[in-house]
Amino acid sequence: MGHNYAKPLTAEARMERVFSRIPGDWSIKMERPQGGKWSVLMQRPDGMLHQETADSLIEALEDVWRFLR
């Protein structure tokens, strides 16, 4: 009997998935102060913006994307 186990996405695959879903007219600012956490600020064309900070860039990107979509 076969089992179908979902393979977890790598950080690179997660990053590619998020970037492919962000519309081209949204602005994105990513930064990480020396020794600090990643900060991502995203703004939609209607002016709505949101910022998240996380230990990894992909976590911050996914959190901001979830909030703004």
PDB file of N, CA and C in Angstrom:
ATOM      1  N   MET A   1       0.856  -1.168   0.000  1.00  0.00           N
ATOM      2  CA  MET A   1       0.000   0.000   0.000  1.00  0.00           C
ATOM      3  C   MET A   1       0.902   1.230   0.000  1.00  0.00           C
ATOM      4  N   GLY A   2       0.711   2.115  -0.969  1.00  0.00           N
ATOM      5  CA  GLY A   2       1.541   3.308  -1.075  1.00  0.00           C
ATOM      6  C   GLY A   2       1.026   4.449  -0.217  1.00  0.00           C
ATOM      7  N   HIS A   3       1.952   5.281   0.174  1.00  0.00           N
ATOM      8  CA  HIS A   3       1.602   6.465   0.959  1.00  0.00           C
ATOM      9  C   HIS A   3       2.076   7.689   0.207  1.00  0.00           C
ATOM     10  N   ASN A   4       1.299   8.723   0.280  1.00  0.00           N
ATOM     11  CA  ASN A   4       1.657   9.967  -0.378  1.00  0.00           C
ATOM     12  C   ASN A   4       1.984  11.000   0.697  1.00  0.00           C
ATOM     13  N   TYR A   5       3.255  11.175   0.958  1.00  0.00           N
ATOM     14  CA  TYR A   5       3.686  12.143   1.950  1.00  0.00           C
ATOM     15  C   TYR A   5       4.096  13.431   1.239  1.00  0.00           C
ATOM     16  N   ALA A   6       3.607  14.546   1.713  1.00  0.00           N
ATOM     17  CA  ALA A   6       3.966  15.831   1.117  1.00  0.00           C
ATOM     18  C   ALA A   6       5.405  16.167   1.487  1.00  0.00           C
ATOM     19  N   LYS A   7       6.155  16.533   0.490  1.00  0.00           N
ATOM     20  CA  LYS A   7       7.548  16.920   0.721  1.00  0.00           C
ATOM     21  C   LYS A   7       7.576  18.395   1.112  1.00  0.00           C
ATOM     22  N   PRO A   8       8.162  18.737   2.247  1.00  0.00           N
ATOM     23  CA  PRO A   8       8.214  20.147   2.649  1.00  0.00           C
ATOM     24  C   PRO A   8       9.014  20.969   1.635  1.00  0.00           C
ATOM     25  N   LEU A   9       8.543  22.177   1.384  1.00  0.00           N
ATOM     26  CA  LEU A   9       9.238  23.061   0.459  1.00  0.00           C
ATOM     27  C   LEU A   9      10.519  23.589   1.093  1.00  0.00           C
ATOM     28  N   THR A  10      11.540  23.749   0.270  1.00  0.00           N
ATOM     29  CA  THR A  10      12.778  24.353   0.740  1.00  0.00           C
ATOM     30  C   THR A  10      12.551  25.861   0.854  1.00  0.00           C
ATOM     31  N   ALA A  11      13.455  26.545   1.535  1.00  0.00           N
ATOM     32  CA  ALA A  11      13.359  28.001   1.665  1.00  0.00           C
ATOM     33  C   ALA A  11      13.373  28.657   0.289  1.00  0.00           C
ATOM     34  N   GLU A  12      14.175  28.111  -0.627  1.00  0.00           N
ATOM     35  CA  GLU A  12      14.258  28.672  -1.976  1.00  0.00           C
ATOM     36  C   GLU A  12      12.935  28.506  -2.720  1.00  0.00           C
ATOM     37  N   ALA A  13      12.310  27.352  -2.595  1.00  0.00           N
ATOM     38  CA  ALA A  13      11.025  27.111  -3.253  1.00  0.00           C
ATOM     39  C   ALA A  13       9.932  27.998  -2.650  1.00  0.00           C
ATOM     40  N   ARG A  14       9.954  28.179  -1.349  1.00  0.00           N
ATOM     41  CA  ARG A  14       8.987  29.057  -0.692  1.00  0.00           C
ATOM     42  C   ARG A  14       9.159  30.494  -1.171  1.00  0.00           C
ATOM     43  N   MET A  15      10.420  30.939  -1.291  1.00  0.00           N
ATOM     44  CA  MET A  15      10.720  32.291  -1.741  1.00  0.00           C
ATOM     45  C   MET A  15      10.221  32.488  -3.175  1.00  0.00           C
ATOM     46  N   GLU A  16      10.493  31.519  -4.029  1.00  0.00           N
ATOM     47  CA  GLU A  16      10.057  31.599  -5.425  1.00  0.00           C
ATOM     48  C   GLU A  16       8.539  31.660  -5.516  1.00  0.00           C
ATOM     49  N   ARG A  17       7.859  30.866  -4.695  1.00  0.00           N
ATOM     50  CA  ARG A  17       6.399  30.850  -4.695  1.00  0.00           C
ATOM     51  C   ARG A  17       5.839  32.213  -4.290  1.00  0.00           C
ATOM     52  N   VAL A  18       6.391  32.818  -3.233  1.00  0.00           N
ATOM     53  CA  VAL A  18       5.897  34.122  -2.781  1.00  0.00           C
ATOM     54  C   VAL A  18       6.168  35.195  -3.832  1.00  0.00           C
ATOM     55  N   PHE A  19       7.396  35.246  -4.361  1.00  0.00           N
ATOM     56  CA  PHE A  19       7.723  36.266  -5.357  1.00  0.00           C
ATOM     57  C   PHE A  19       6.883  36.118  -6.623  1.00  0.00           C
ATOM     58  N   SER A  20       6.534  34.905  -7.001  1.00  0.00           N
ATOM     59  CA  SER A  20       5.731  34.714  -8.206  1.00  0.00           C
ATOM     60  C   SER A  20       4.296  35.199  -8.018  1.00  0.00           C
ATOM     61  N   ARG A  21       3.855  35.338  -6.786  1.00  0.00           N
ATOM     62  CA  ARG A  21       2.476  35.752  -6.515  1.00  0.00           C
ATOM     63  C   ARG A  21       2.329  37.241  -6.243  1.00  0.00           C
ATOM     64  N   ILE A  22       3.412  37.940  -6.010  1.00  0.00           N
ATOM     65  CA  ILE A  22       3.350  39.378  -5.717  1.00  0.00           C
ATOM     66  C   ILE A  22       3.196  40.138  -7.038  1.00  0.00           C
ATOM     67  N   PRO A  23       2.130  40.928  -7.177  1.00  0.00           N
ATOM     68  CA  PRO A  23       1.945  41.695  -8.410  1.00  0.00           C
ATOM     69  C   PRO A  23       3.108  42.660  -8.656  1.00  0.00           C
ATOM     70  N   GLY A  24       3.384  42.923  -9.922  1.00  0.00           N
ATOM     71  CA  GLY A  24       4.503  43.778 -10.308  1.00  0.00           C
ATOM     72  C   GLY A  24       4.371  45.222  -9.876  1.00  0.00           C
ATOM     73  N   ASP A  25       3.153  45.678  -9.580  1.00  0.00           N
ATOM     74  CA  ASP A  25       2.984  47.071  -9.187  1.00  0.00           C
ATOM     75  C   ASP A  25       2.993  47.276  -7.664  1.00  0.00           C
ATOM     76  N   TRP A  26       3.321  46.236  -6.914  1.00  0.00           N
ATOM     77  CA  TRP A  26       3.492  46.375  -5.470  1.00  0.00           C
ATOM     78  C   TRP A  26       4.945  46.717  -5.187  1.00  0.00           C
ATOM     79  N   SER A  27       5.190  47.556  -4.184  1.00  0.00           N
ATOM     80  CA  SER A  27       6.576  47.861  -3.818  1.00  0.00           C
ATOM     81  C   SER A  27       6.979  47.002  -2.618  1.00  0.00           C
ATOM     82  N   ILE A  28       8.244  46.620  -2.626  1.00  0.00           N
ATOM     83  CA  ILE A  28       8.790  45.761  -1.576  1.00  0.00           C
ATOM     84  C   ILE A  28      10.117  46.349  -1.116  1.00  0.00           C
ATOM     85  N   LYS A  29      10.296  46.412   0.186  1.00  0.00           N
ATOM     86  CA  LYS A  29      11.573  46.839   0.750  1.00  0.00           C
ATOM     87  C   LYS A  29      11.987  45.782   1.767  1.00  0.00           C
ATOM     88  N   MET A  30      13.176  45.226   1.557  1.00  0.00           N
ATOM     89  CA  MET A  30      13.701  44.202   2.467  1.00  0.00           C
ATOM     90  C   MET A  30      15.018  44.701   3.024  1.00  0.00           C
ATOM     91  N   GLU A  31      15.190  44.555   4.323  1.00  0.00           N
ATOM     92  CA  GLU A  31      16.463  44.957   4.915  1.00  0.00           C
ATOM     93  C   GLU A  31      16.740  44.140   6.169  1.00  0.00           C
ATOM     94  N   ARG A  32      18.011  44.080   6.497  1.00  0.00           N
ATOM     95  CA  ARG A  32      18.433  43.404   7.716  1.00  0.00           C
ATOM     96  C   ARG A  32      19.609  44.186   8.281  1.00  0.00           C
ATOM     97  N   PRO A  33      19.367  44.867   9.399  1.00  0.00           N
ATOM     98  CA  PRO A  33      20.486  45.574  10.024  1.00  0.00           C
ATOM     99  C   PRO A  33      21.542  44.572  10.484  1.00  0.00           C
ATOM    100  N   GLN A  34      22.756  44.998  10.523  1.00  0.00           N
ATOM    101  CA  GLN A  34      23.840  44.108  10.924  1.00  0.00           C
ATOM    102  C   GLN A  34      23.517  43.465  12.270  1.00  0.00           C
ATOM    103  N   GLY A  35      23.495  42.130  12.266  1.00  0.00           N
ATOM    104  CA  GLY A  35      23.217  41.377  13.489  1.00  0.00           C
ATOM    105  C   GLY A  35      21.756  41.370  13.893  1.00  0.00           C
ATOM    106  N   GLY A  36      20.861  41.903  13.046  1.00  0.00           N
ATOM    107  CA  GLY A  36      19.447  41.984  13.398  1.00  0.00           C
ATOM    108  C   GLY A  36      18.587  41.007  12.630  1.00  0.00           C
ATOM    109  N   LYS A  37      17.281  41.164  12.796  1.00  0.00           N
ATOM    110  CA  LYS A  37      16.308  40.326  12.104  1.00  0.00           C
ATOM    111  C   LYS A  37      15.964  40.953  10.756  1.00  0.00           C
ATOM    112  N   TRP A  38      15.377  40.143   9.871  1.00  0.00           N
ATOM    113  CA  TRP A  38      14.925  40.625   8.580  1.00  0.00           C
ATOM    114  C   TRP A  38      13.663  41.459   8.756  1.00  0.00           C
ATOM    115  N   SER A  39      13.575  42.545   8.004  1.00  0.00           N
ATOM    116  CA  SER A  39      12.396  43.397   7.995  1.00  0.00           C
ATOM    117  C   SER A  39      11.914  43.521   6.551  1.00  0.00           C
ATOM    118  N   VAL A  40      10.621  43.297   6.338  1.00  0.00           N
ATOM    119  CA  VAL A  40      10.032  43.401   5.005  1.00  0.00           C
ATOM    120  C   VAL A  40       8.849  44.363   5.080  1.00  0.00           C
ATOM    121  N   LEU A  41       8.872  45.347   4.187  1.00  0.00           N
ATOM    122  CA  LEU A  41       7.784  46.307   4.053  1.00  0.00           C
ATOM    123  C   LEU A  41       7.237  46.163   2.645  1.00  0.00           C
ATOM    124  N   MET A  42       5.923  45.978   2.536  1.00  0.00           N
ATOM    125  CA  MET A  42       5.289  45.812   1.236  1.00  0.00           C
ATOM    126  C   MET A  42       4.133  46.803   1.159  1.00  0.00           C
ATOM    127  N   GLN A  43       3.956  47.385  -0.050  1.00  0.00           N
ATOM    128  CA  GLN A  43       2.866  48.336  -0.248  1.00  0.00           C
ATOM    129  C   GLN A  43       2.117  48.026  -1.527  1.00  0.00           C
ATOM    130  N   ARG A  44       0.782  47.993  -1.413  1.00  0.00           N
ATOM    131  CA  ARG A  44      -0.077  47.791  -2.577  1.00  0.00           C
ATOM    132  C   ARG A  44      -0.300  49.132  -3.270  1.00  0.00           C
ATOM    133  N   PRO A  45      -0.731  49.135  -4.535  1.00  0.00           N
ATOM    134  CA  PRO A  45      -0.988  50.389  -5.252  1.00  0.00           C
ATOM    135  C   PRO A  45      -2.068  51.256  -4.602  1.00  0.00           C
ATOM    136  N   ASP A  46      -2.991  50.639  -3.852  1.00  0.00           N
ATOM    137  CA  ASP A  46      -4.039  51.427  -3.194  1.00  0.00           C
ATOM    138  C   ASP A  46      -3.531  52.137  -1.941  1.00  0.00           C
ATOM    139  N   GLY A  47      -2.242  51.990  -1.640  1.00  0.00           N
ATOM    140  CA  GLY A  47      -1.638  52.683  -0.502  1.00  0.00           C
ATOM    141  C   GLY A  47      -1.534  51.851   0.762  1.00  0.00           C
ATOM    142  N   MET A  48      -2.228  50.723   0.821  1.00  0.00           N
ATOM    143  CA  MET A  48      -2.156  49.879   2.013  1.00  0.00           C
ATOM    144  C   MET A  48      -0.771  49.266   2.106  1.00  0.00           C
ATOM    145  N   LEU A  49      -0.170  49.387   3.283  1.00  0.00           N
ATOM    146  CA  LEU A  49       1.150  48.801   3.482  1.00  0.00           C
ATOM    147  C   LEU A  49       1.205  48.055   4.793  1.00  0.00           C
ATOM    148  N   HIS A  50       2.173  47.175   4.868  1.00  0.00           N
ATOM    149  CA  HIS A  50       2.355  46.370   6.075  1.00  0.00           C
ATOM    150  C   HIS A  50       3.829  46.010   6.198  1.00  0.00           C
ATOM    151  N   GLN A  51       4.292  45.891   7.425  1.00  0.00           N
ATOM    152  CA  GLN A  51       5.686  45.532   7.678  1.00  0.00           C
ATOM    153  C   GLN A  51       5.739  44.413   8.701  1.00  0.00           C
ATOM    154  N   GLU A  52       6.639  43.478   8.478  1.00  0.00           N
ATOM    155  CA  GLU A  52       6.872  42.370   9.404  1.00  0.00           C
ATOM    156  C   GLU A  52       8.366  42.204   9.630  1.00  0.00           C
ATOM    157  N   THR A  53       8.722  41.705  10.785  1.00  0.00           N
ATOM    158  CA  THR A  53      10.103  41.402  11.132  1.00  0.00           C
ATOM    159  C   THR A  53      10.164  39.951  11.588  1.00  0.00           C
ATOM    160  N   ALA A  54      11.187  39.231  11.114  1.00  0.00           N
ATOM    161  CA  ALA A  54      11.324  37.813  11.468  1.00  0.00           C
ATOM    162  C   ALA A  54      12.791  37.410  11.403  1.00  0.00           C
ATOM    163  N   ASP A  55      13.078  36.227  11.944  1.00  0.00           N
ATOM    164  CA  ASP A  55      14.447  35.711  11.929  1.00  0.00           C
ATOM    165  C   ASP A  55      14.930  35.400  10.520  1.00  0.00           C
ATOM    166  N   SER A  56      14.017  34.946   9.643  1.00  0.00           N
ATOM    167  CA  SER A  56      14.418  34.617   8.273  1.00  0.00           C
ATOM    168  C   SER A  56      13.645  35.492   7.290  1.00  0.00           C
ATOM    169  N   LEU A  57      14.252  35.732   6.154  1.00  0.00           N
ATOM    170  CA  LEU A  57      13.629  36.554   5.117  1.00  0.00           C
ATOM    171  C   LEU A  57      12.335  35.925   4.632  1.00  0.00           C
ATOM    172  N   ILE A  58      12.312  34.632   4.411  1.00  0.00           N
ATOM    173  CA  ILE A  58      11.109  33.988   3.885  1.00  0.00           C
ATOM    174  C   ILE A  58       9.945  34.078   4.865  1.00  0.00           C
ATOM    175  N   GLU A  59      10.220  33.978   6.152  1.00  0.00           N
ATOM    176  CA  GLU A  59       9.145  34.107   7.145  1.00  0.00           C
ATOM    177  C   GLU A  59       8.528  35.496   7.089  1.00  0.00           C
ATOM    178  N   ALA A  60       9.363  36.524   7.022  1.00  0.00           N
ATOM    179  CA  ALA A  60       8.868  37.895   6.961  1.00  0.00           C
ATOM    180  C   ALA A  60       8.086  38.134   5.671  1.00  0.00           C
ATOM    181  N   LEU A  61       8.595  37.649   4.533  1.00  0.00           N
ATOM    182  CA  LEU A  61       7.894  37.804   3.255  1.00  0.00           C
ATOM    183  C   LEU A  61       6.524  37.132   3.276  1.00  0.00           C
ATOM    184  N   GLU A  62       6.476  35.902   3.759  1.00  0.00           N
ATOM    185  CA  GLU A  62       5.204  35.172   3.794  1.00  0.00           C
ATOM    186  C   GLU A  62       4.195  35.868   4.713  1.00  0.00           C
ATOM    187  N   ASP A  63       4.651  36.361   5.855  1.00  0.00           N
ATOM    188  CA  ASP A  63       3.749  37.034   6.788  1.00  0.00           C
ATOM    189  C   ASP A  63       3.159  38.301   6.181  1.00  0.00           C
ATOM    190  N   VAL A  64       3.997  39.111   5.535  1.00  0.00           N
ATOM    191  CA  VAL A  64       3.514  40.343   4.896  1.00  0.00           C
ATOM    192  C   VAL A  64       2.555  40.005   3.762  1.00  0.00           C
ATOM    193  N   TRP A  65       2.909  39.026   2.940  1.00  0.00           N
ATOM    194  CA  TRP A  65       2.062  38.628   1.818  1.00  0.00           C
ATOM    195  C   TRP A  65       0.687  38.172   2.309  1.00  0.00           C
ATOM    196  N   ARG A  66       0.661  37.351   3.358  1.00  0.00           N
ATOM    197  CA  ARG A  66      -0.618  36.873   3.895  1.00  0.00           C
ATOM    198  C   ARG A  66      -1.490  38.029   4.362  1.00  0.00           C
ATOM    199  N   PHE A  67      -0.862  39.024   4.991  1.00  0.00           N
ATOM    200  CA  PHE A  67      -1.617  40.148   5.520  1.00  0.00           C
ATOM    201  C   PHE A  67      -2.229  41.002   4.407  1.00  0.00           C
ATOM    202  N   LEU A  68      -1.468  41.237   3.331  1.00  0.00           N
ATOM    203  CA  LEU A  68      -1.899  42.167   2.294  1.00  0.00           C
ATOM    204  C   LEU A  68      -2.728  41.577   1.162  1.00  0.00           C
ATOM    205  N   ARG A  69      -2.704  40.268   0.992  1.00  0.00           N
ATOM    206  CA  ARG A  69      -3.439  39.716  -0.159  1.00  0.00           C
ATOM    207  C   ARG A  69      -4.915  39.769  -0.007  1.00  0.00           C
TER     208      ARG A  69
END
